[in-house]
N, C-alpha and C. Protein backbone atom coordinates (compact mmCIF):
# COMPACT_ATOMS: atom_id res chain seq x y z
N SER A 1 -59.39 -78.40 -6.19
CA SER A 1 -58.33 -77.19 -5.63
C SER A 1 -59.28 -75.57 -5.70
N MET A 2 -58.38 -75.02 -5.12
CA MET A 2 -58.72 -73.50 -4.63
C MET A 2 -59.13 -72.66 -5.33
N GLY A 3 -60.07 -72.02 -5.78
CA GLY A 3 -60.08 -71.11 -6.97
C GLY A 3 -59.27 -69.67 -6.39
N ALA A 4 -59.44 -69.12 -7.85
CA ALA A 4 -58.83 -67.58 -7.26
C ALA A 4 -59.30 -66.98 -6.15
N GLU A 5 -60.78 -66.67 -6.47
CA GLU A 5 -61.02 -66.01 -5.72
C GLU A 5 -61.13 -66.59 -4.25
N ALA A 6 -61.09 -67.58 -3.69
CA ALA A 6 -60.61 -68.45 -2.53
C ALA A 6 -59.94 -67.80 -1.91
N ARG A 7 -58.62 -67.89 -2.80
CA ARG A 7 -57.02 -67.72 -2.37
C ARG A 7 -56.83 -66.23 -2.00
N SER A 8 -57.69 -65.12 -2.87
CA SER A 8 -57.64 -64.06 -2.31
C SER A 8 -58.30 -63.38 -1.20
N ALA A 9 -59.16 -64.51 -0.86
CA ALA A 9 -59.65 -63.89 0.34
C ALA A 9 -59.05 -64.21 1.58
N VAL A 10 -58.08 -65.03 1.61
CA VAL A 10 -56.95 -65.46 2.60
C VAL A 10 -56.19 -64.12 2.88
N PRO A 11 -56.44 -63.58 4.42
CA PRO A 11 -55.99 -62.49 4.64
C PRO A 11 -54.85 -62.54 4.63
N ARG A 12 -53.67 -61.74 4.00
CA ARG A 12 -52.36 -62.20 4.07
C ARG A 12 -51.65 -60.87 4.54
N GLN A 13 -50.43 -61.45 6.18
CA GLN A 13 -49.70 -60.63 6.59
C GLN A 13 -48.98 -59.52 5.89
N PRO A 14 -49.55 -58.29 6.16
CA PRO A 14 -48.46 -57.09 5.68
C PRO A 14 -46.87 -57.44 5.75
N GLU A 15 -46.22 -56.74 4.47
CA GLU A 15 -44.76 -57.28 4.65
C GLU A 15 -44.26 -55.91 5.05
N PRO A 16 -43.38 -56.19 6.71
CA PRO A 16 -42.76 -55.32 7.20
C PRO A 16 -41.52 -54.46 6.17
N VAL A 17 -41.99 -53.22 6.78
CA VAL A 17 -41.28 -52.08 5.98
C VAL A 17 -40.25 -51.66 6.59
N GLY A 18 -39.41 -50.84 5.91
CA GLY A 18 -38.46 -49.81 6.42
C GLY A 18 -38.60 -48.72 6.94
N PRO A 19 -38.08 -47.80 7.75
CA PRO A 19 -38.96 -46.68 8.24
C PRO A 19 -38.50 -45.40 6.86
N ALA A 20 -39.78 -44.84 6.67
CA ALA A 20 -39.97 -43.48 5.65
C ALA A 20 -38.95 -42.46 6.61
N VAL A 21 -38.22 -41.65 5.47
CA VAL A 21 -37.32 -40.65 5.85
C VAL A 21 -37.99 -39.70 6.98
N PHE A 22 -39.24 -39.55 7.17
CA PHE A 22 -40.13 -38.58 8.10
C PHE A 22 -39.62 -39.47 9.36
N GLU A 23 -40.36 -40.57 9.28
CA GLU A 23 -39.83 -41.28 10.81
C GLU A 23 -38.55 -41.58 11.33
N CYS A 24 -37.63 -41.45 10.62
CA CYS A 24 -36.06 -41.34 10.80
C CYS A 24 -36.25 -39.87 11.35
N MET A 25 -36.69 -38.86 10.50
CA MET A 25 -35.99 -37.59 10.54
C MET A 25 -37.00 -37.05 12.30
N TRP A 26 -38.12 -37.57 12.70
CA TRP A 26 -38.33 -37.51 13.75
C TRP A 26 -37.55 -38.49 15.11
N ARG A 27 -37.30 -39.18 14.54
CA ARG A 27 -36.31 -40.19 15.66
C ARG A 27 -34.87 -39.30 15.97
N LEU A 28 -34.34 -39.25 14.95
CA LEU A 28 -33.13 -38.46 14.53
C LEU A 28 -33.27 -37.22 15.74
N ALA A 29 -34.43 -36.50 15.63
CA ALA A 29 -34.64 -35.01 16.16
C ALA A 29 -34.75 -35.45 18.03
N LEU A 30 -35.61 -36.81 18.14
CA LEU A 30 -35.58 -37.42 19.74
C LEU A 30 -33.98 -37.31 19.86
N VAL A 31 -33.67 -38.27 19.28
CA VAL A 31 -32.69 -38.93 20.03
C VAL A 31 -31.15 -38.05 20.29
N LYS A 32 -31.43 -37.05 19.54
CA LYS A 32 -30.53 -35.58 19.57
C LYS A 32 -30.95 -34.84 20.91
N LEU A 33 -32.14 -34.69 21.14
CA LEU A 33 -32.82 -34.34 22.44
C LEU A 33 -32.54 -35.04 23.92
N PHE A 34 -32.83 -36.42 23.45
CA PHE A 34 -32.61 -37.30 24.75
C PHE A 34 -31.25 -37.42 25.23
N LEU A 35 -30.44 -37.44 23.99
CA LEU A 35 -28.66 -37.33 24.26
C LEU A 35 -28.53 -35.90 25.18
N GLY A 36 -29.00 -34.72 24.82
CA GLY A 36 -28.52 -33.74 25.21
C GLY A 36 -29.14 -33.87 26.51
N VAL A 37 -30.88 -34.28 27.13
CA VAL A 37 -30.94 -34.07 28.23
C VAL A 37 -30.77 -34.97 28.97
N LEU A 38 -30.63 -36.29 28.52
CA LEU A 38 -30.72 -37.51 29.47
C LEU A 38 -29.20 -38.06 29.59
N GLY A 39 -27.85 -37.86 28.84
CA GLY A 39 -26.85 -38.44 28.66
C GLY A 39 -27.09 -39.84 27.75
N LEU A 40 -26.04 -40.51 27.54
CA LEU A 40 -25.92 -41.64 26.74
C LEU A 40 -26.82 -42.39 27.19
N GLY A 41 -26.12 -42.87 28.55
CA GLY A 41 -26.87 -44.23 29.03
C GLY A 41 -28.45 -44.18 29.56
N ARG A 42 -28.90 -43.19 29.63
CA ARG A 42 -30.35 -42.94 30.09
C ARG A 42 -30.96 -42.57 28.75
N ALA A 43 -30.39 -42.13 27.86
CA ALA A 43 -31.10 -42.27 26.33
C ALA A 43 -31.30 -43.59 25.79
N ILE A 44 -30.04 -44.61 26.09
CA ILE A 44 -30.11 -45.73 25.58
C ILE A 44 -31.15 -47.17 26.45
N ARG A 45 -31.72 -46.46 27.92
CA ARG A 45 -32.06 -47.19 28.11
C ARG A 45 -33.74 -46.33 28.00
N ALA A 46 -34.09 -45.10 27.56
CA ALA A 46 -35.10 -44.91 27.69
C ALA A 46 -35.63 -45.32 26.43
N ILE A 47 -35.30 -45.38 25.11
CA ILE A 47 -35.21 -46.05 23.90
C ILE A 47 -35.89 -47.49 23.82
N ARG A 48 -34.55 -48.27 24.73
CA ARG A 48 -35.11 -49.70 24.90
C ARG A 48 -36.51 -49.58 25.64
N ALA A 49 -36.81 -49.12 26.86
CA ALA A 49 -37.80 -48.83 27.59
C ALA A 49 -39.26 -48.66 26.39
N ILE A 50 -38.91 -47.99 25.55
CA ILE A 50 -40.00 -47.25 24.73
C ILE A 50 -40.02 -48.46 23.46
N THR A 51 -39.18 -48.99 23.45
CA THR A 51 -39.75 -50.25 22.40
C THR A 51 -39.73 -51.95 22.90
N HIS A 52 -39.42 -51.52 24.05
CA HIS A 52 -39.57 -53.24 25.04
C HIS A 52 -40.98 -53.61 24.79
N ARG A 53 -41.86 -52.98 24.57
CA ARG A 53 -43.67 -53.52 24.67
C ARG A 53 -43.73 -54.10 23.11
N ARG A 54 -42.89 -53.70 22.19
CA ARG A 54 -42.95 -54.31 21.00
C ARG A 54 -42.41 -55.81 20.79
N GLY A 55 -41.24 -55.88 21.83
CA GLY A 55 -40.45 -57.17 21.88
C GLY A 55 -39.82 -57.23 20.63
N THR A 56 -38.75 -57.89 21.02
CA THR A 56 -37.68 -58.17 19.76
C THR A 56 -37.41 -59.39 19.89
N GLY A 57 -36.58 -59.85 18.91
CA GLY A 57 -36.29 -61.21 18.22
C GLY A 57 -37.06 -62.18 17.29
N GLY A 58 -37.64 -60.77 16.83
CA GLY A 58 -38.15 -61.22 15.08
C GLY A 58 -36.85 -60.98 14.29
N ALA A 59 -37.25 -62.12 13.30
CA ALA A 59 -36.10 -62.35 11.96
C ALA A 59 -36.69 -60.92 11.40
N ALA A 60 -35.63 -60.59 10.13
CA ALA A 60 -36.31 -59.60 9.59
C ALA A 60 -35.40 -60.10 8.14
N ASP A 61 -35.92 -59.89 6.73
CA ASP A 61 -34.62 -59.74 5.67
C ASP A 61 -34.25 -58.68 5.86
N TRP A 62 -32.88 -59.16 5.32
CA TRP A 62 -31.77 -58.13 5.46
C TRP A 62 -32.27 -57.10 4.70
N SER A 63 -32.83 -57.35 3.55
CA SER A 63 -33.56 -56.02 2.64
C SER A 63 -33.79 -55.01 3.60
N ILE A 64 -34.70 -55.54 4.55
CA ILE A 64 -35.41 -54.28 5.44
C ILE A 64 -34.21 -53.61 6.02
N VAL A 65 -33.47 -54.18 6.87
CA VAL A 65 -32.39 -54.02 7.78
C VAL A 65 -31.70 -52.95 6.99
N GLU A 66 -31.49 -53.63 5.34
CA GLU A 66 -30.08 -52.17 5.05
C GLU A 66 -31.10 -51.17 4.95
N ARG A 67 -32.46 -51.29 4.48
CA ARG A 67 -33.01 -50.35 3.60
C ARG A 67 -33.48 -49.48 4.48
N ALA A 68 -33.92 -49.56 6.18
CA ALA A 68 -33.59 -48.75 7.25
C ALA A 68 -32.34 -48.20 7.15
N ALA A 69 -31.27 -48.56 7.45
CA ALA A 69 -29.76 -48.37 7.18
C ALA A 69 -29.81 -46.94 6.49
N LYS A 70 -30.38 -47.22 5.16
CA LYS A 70 -30.02 -46.27 3.88
C LYS A 70 -30.59 -44.88 4.09
N THR A 71 -32.06 -45.39 4.62
CA THR A 71 -32.78 -44.25 4.70
C THR A 71 -32.20 -43.18 6.02
N ALA A 72 -32.00 -44.32 7.45
CA ALA A 72 -31.39 -43.16 8.23
C ALA A 72 -29.96 -42.57 7.81
N THR A 73 -29.39 -42.89 6.89
CA THR A 73 -28.00 -42.52 6.42
C THR A 73 -28.58 -41.53 6.28
N ALA A 74 -29.14 -41.55 5.16
CA ALA A 74 -29.71 -40.20 3.90
C ALA A 74 -30.38 -39.20 4.79
N THR A 75 -30.69 -39.55 5.89
CA THR A 75 -31.76 -38.60 6.60
C THR A 75 -30.67 -37.73 7.51
N ALA A 76 -30.05 -38.13 8.13
CA ALA A 76 -29.00 -37.79 8.93
C ALA A 76 -28.04 -36.87 7.94
N SER A 77 -28.15 -37.21 6.53
CA SER A 77 -27.21 -36.47 6.07
C SER A 77 -27.76 -34.95 5.58
N PHE A 78 -28.90 -35.15 5.63
CA PHE A 78 -29.43 -33.48 5.63
C PHE A 78 -30.49 -32.73 7.24
N PHE A 79 -29.97 -33.66 8.00
CA PHE A 79 -30.52 -32.87 9.27
C PHE A 79 -29.96 -32.12 9.54
N PRO A 80 -30.44 -30.79 10.02
CA PRO A 80 -30.30 -29.89 10.18
C PRO A 80 -29.12 -30.14 11.64
N GLY A 81 -27.68 -29.36 11.77
CA GLY A 81 -26.85 -29.72 12.77
C GLY A 81 -26.24 -30.91 12.03
N ARG A 82 -25.46 -31.87 12.79
CA ARG A 82 -24.64 -32.60 12.39
C ARG A 82 -25.04 -33.79 13.42
N ALA A 83 -25.40 -35.01 13.04
CA ALA A 83 -25.62 -35.90 13.01
C ALA A 83 -24.67 -37.03 13.21
N MET A 84 -23.91 -37.54 14.04
CA MET A 84 -22.78 -38.59 13.77
C MET A 84 -22.80 -39.84 13.90
N CYS A 85 -22.26 -40.83 14.37
CA CYS A 85 -22.33 -42.06 13.85
C CYS A 85 -23.27 -42.40 15.24
N LEU A 86 -23.04 -42.04 16.75
CA LEU A 86 -23.70 -42.27 17.44
C LEU A 86 -25.68 -42.02 17.27
N GLU A 87 -25.46 -40.57 16.87
CA GLU A 87 -26.83 -40.48 16.52
C GLU A 87 -27.32 -41.37 15.45
N GLN A 88 -26.96 -41.76 14.74
CA GLN A 88 -27.47 -42.07 13.19
C GLN A 88 -27.62 -43.63 13.81
N SER A 89 -26.72 -44.38 14.75
CA SER A 89 -26.66 -45.63 14.93
C SER A 89 -27.77 -45.87 15.65
N LEU A 90 -28.13 -44.60 17.24
CA LEU A 90 -29.12 -44.66 17.88
C LEU A 90 -30.64 -44.78 17.18
N THR A 91 -30.62 -43.70 16.27
CA THR A 91 -32.03 -43.69 15.41
C THR A 91 -31.95 -45.03 14.44
N LEU A 92 -31.34 -45.85 13.57
CA LEU A 92 -31.60 -46.98 13.24
C LEU A 92 -31.75 -48.09 14.04
N TRP A 93 -31.24 -47.88 15.29
CA TRP A 93 -31.50 -49.29 16.39
C TRP A 93 -33.07 -48.79 17.07
N TRP A 94 -33.14 -47.75 17.14
CA TRP A 94 -34.48 -47.72 17.56
C TRP A 94 -35.61 -47.96 16.73
N CYS A 95 -35.31 -47.49 15.07
CA CYS A 95 -36.45 -47.98 13.84
C CYS A 95 -36.65 -49.37 14.08
N LEU A 96 -35.29 -49.83 13.71
CA LEU A 96 -35.57 -51.51 13.79
C LEU A 96 -36.39 -52.23 15.05
N ARG A 97 -35.68 -51.48 16.00
CA ARG A 97 -36.48 -52.39 17.47
C ARG A 97 -37.98 -52.31 17.58
N ASN A 98 -38.33 -51.01 17.08
CA ASN A 98 -39.63 -50.48 16.78
C ASN A 98 -40.39 -51.84 15.87
N ARG A 99 -39.94 -52.34 15.19
CA ARG A 99 -40.59 -53.02 13.87
C ARG A 99 -40.07 -54.76 14.69
N GLY A 100 -39.75 -54.49 15.62
CA GLY A 100 -39.26 -55.95 16.55
C GLY A 100 -38.31 -56.83 16.22
N ILE A 101 -37.95 -56.04 15.39
CA ILE A 101 -36.14 -56.58 14.57
C ILE A 101 -35.00 -56.57 15.93
N ASP A 102 -34.40 -57.44 16.40
CA ASP A 102 -33.36 -57.76 17.17
C ASP A 102 -32.30 -57.20 16.31
N ALA A 103 -31.74 -55.80 16.46
CA ALA A 103 -30.67 -55.09 16.16
C ALA A 103 -30.00 -55.08 17.84
N ARG A 104 -28.49 -54.69 17.44
CA ARG A 104 -27.74 -54.42 18.70
C ARG A 104 -26.99 -53.30 18.10
N LEU A 105 -26.70 -52.58 19.42
CA LEU A 105 -25.93 -51.48 19.21
C LEU A 105 -24.51 -51.80 20.05
N ARG A 106 -23.79 -51.39 19.04
CA ARG A 106 -22.54 -51.70 19.35
C ARG A 106 -21.47 -50.56 19.85
N PHE A 107 -20.40 -50.40 20.22
CA PHE A 107 -19.74 -49.37 20.67
C PHE A 107 -18.04 -49.87 20.63
N GLY A 108 -16.85 -49.36 19.79
CA GLY A 108 -15.46 -49.57 19.71
C GLY A 108 -14.94 -48.57 19.75
N VAL A 109 -13.54 -48.79 20.24
CA VAL A 109 -12.52 -47.61 20.46
C VAL A 109 -11.02 -48.18 20.13
N GLN A 110 -10.56 -46.76 19.39
CA GLN A 110 -9.27 -47.31 18.90
C GLN A 110 -8.25 -46.20 20.05
N PRO A 111 -7.66 -47.21 20.49
CA PRO A 111 -6.29 -46.50 21.17
C PRO A 111 -5.37 -45.44 20.53
N ARG A 112 -4.94 -45.88 19.76
CA ARG A 112 -4.02 -44.75 19.31
C ARG A 112 -4.35 -44.32 17.84
N PRO A 113 -4.58 -43.08 17.43
CA PRO A 113 -4.91 -42.10 17.94
C PRO A 113 -5.79 -42.70 18.43
N PHE A 114 -6.75 -41.89 19.83
CA PHE A 114 -8.29 -42.20 20.32
C PHE A 114 -9.06 -42.09 19.32
N ALA A 115 -10.11 -43.06 19.18
CA ALA A 115 -11.40 -42.63 18.51
C ALA A 115 -12.30 -43.67 18.89
N ALA A 116 -13.69 -43.18 18.57
CA ALA A 116 -14.66 -44.10 18.87
C ALA A 116 -15.71 -43.96 17.85
N HIS A 117 -16.42 -45.22 17.76
CA HIS A 117 -17.12 -45.41 16.39
C HIS A 117 -18.57 -46.21 17.07
N CYS A 118 -19.42 -46.30 16.96
CA CYS A 118 -21.03 -46.50 17.06
C CYS A 118 -21.54 -47.32 16.10
N TRP A 119 -22.08 -48.35 16.36
CA TRP A 119 -22.58 -49.02 15.18
C TRP A 119 -23.81 -50.12 15.29
N VAL A 120 -24.93 -50.35 14.71
CA VAL A 120 -25.34 -51.33 14.79
C VAL A 120 -25.79 -52.96 13.77
N GLU A 121 -25.45 -53.98 14.80
CA GLU A 121 -25.82 -54.83 14.06
C GLU A 121 -26.73 -55.54 13.98
N TYR A 122 -26.88 -56.63 12.76
CA TYR A 122 -28.04 -57.38 12.66
C TYR A 122 -27.38 -59.05 12.61
N GLY A 123 -27.76 -59.95 13.59
CA GLY A 123 -27.68 -61.36 13.29
C GLY A 123 -26.13 -61.33 13.33
N GLY A 124 -25.56 -60.46 14.18
CA GLY A 124 -24.35 -60.84 14.12
C GLY A 124 -23.33 -60.17 13.42
N SER A 125 -24.00 -59.24 12.32
CA SER A 125 -23.08 -58.81 11.20
C SER A 125 -23.51 -57.23 11.55
N PRO A 126 -22.49 -56.53 11.38
CA PRO A 126 -22.46 -54.81 11.12
C PRO A 126 -23.13 -54.50 10.11
N VAL A 127 -24.10 -53.25 9.90
CA VAL A 127 -25.42 -52.81 8.95
C VAL A 127 -24.71 -51.78 8.63
N LEU A 128 -24.54 -51.80 6.80
CA LEU A 128 -23.94 -50.73 6.34
C LEU A 128 -22.33 -50.34 6.90
N GLU A 129 -21.60 -51.01 7.32
CA GLU A 129 -20.65 -50.62 7.86
C GLU A 129 -19.34 -51.00 6.99
N ASN A 130 -18.20 -50.07 6.83
CA ASN A 130 -16.89 -50.88 6.22
C ASN A 130 -16.42 -51.79 7.20
N GLY A 131 -15.96 -52.97 6.48
CA GLY A 131 -15.16 -53.99 7.63
C GLY A 131 -13.85 -53.71 7.77
N ASP A 132 -12.93 -53.25 7.05
CA ASP A 132 -11.84 -52.74 7.23
C ASP A 132 -11.95 -51.36 8.32
N ARG A 133 -12.53 -50.82 8.20
CA ARG A 133 -12.68 -49.69 9.25
C ARG A 133 -13.23 -50.23 10.42
N LEU A 134 -14.26 -51.12 10.70
CA LEU A 134 -14.70 -51.79 11.97
C LEU A 134 -13.00 -52.28 12.55
N ARG A 135 -12.52 -52.91 11.95
CA ARG A 135 -10.89 -53.82 12.29
C ARG A 135 -10.41 -53.13 13.32
N GLN A 136 -10.32 -51.27 13.15
CA GLN A 136 -9.46 -50.65 13.62
C GLN A 136 -9.87 -50.31 15.00
N PHE A 137 -11.28 -50.93 15.33
CA PHE A 137 -11.95 -50.23 16.57
C PHE A 137 -11.71 -51.78 17.51
N VAL A 138 -11.59 -51.52 18.93
CA VAL A 138 -12.09 -52.93 19.88
C VAL A 138 -13.46 -52.51 20.17
N PRO A 139 -14.07 -53.75 20.05
CA PRO A 139 -15.25 -53.40 20.36
C PRO A 139 -15.52 -53.81 21.92
N MET A 140 -16.23 -52.74 22.69
CA MET A 140 -16.50 -52.54 24.06
C MET A 140 -17.65 -53.86 24.22
N ASN A 141 -17.69 -54.18 25.43
CA ASN A 141 -18.88 -55.28 25.61
C ASN A 141 -19.98 -54.69 25.16
N GLU A 142 -21.12 -55.62 24.79
CA GLU A 142 -22.53 -55.44 24.11
C GLU A 142 -23.41 -54.60 25.19
N VAL A 143 -23.35 -53.23 24.93
CA VAL A 143 -24.21 -52.12 25.92
C VAL A 143 -25.52 -52.37 25.83
N ALA A 144 -26.33 -52.49 24.76
CA ALA A 144 -27.59 -52.35 24.10
C ALA A 144 -28.33 -53.25 23.54
N PRO A 145 -28.80 -54.48 24.09
CA PRO A 145 -29.49 -55.27 23.49
C PRO A 145 -30.46 -55.13 23.04
């Protein structure tokens, strides 16, 4: 049988971790800049291009996804200026994609009274969203895989 020394010599893969507040802060700042300069469509394409080389499709533990969402939400709450669902979702989507996590950016509209909402899904489930609230929105075609 393998002794304790031999087992500890086997290199372990580092555990994937969620983003720190500082990472969310600078990504959120860049998201706001991208939206202001490029507009929504080109901002999405830019983030997709930046993270494409990392690859996506990796499976992640839900706890990492939820921790990332909580960090992004907390960061947005004390970010200078307002960070609405669009900025928060783009930031979270970018953080997850940067880790190779296959997250989806989703948009929905509520016809009357008109309202729009943006959220992130992982594994087909919305991340840190109120299901009752999301049912008010008609999901648009998936925009950003």
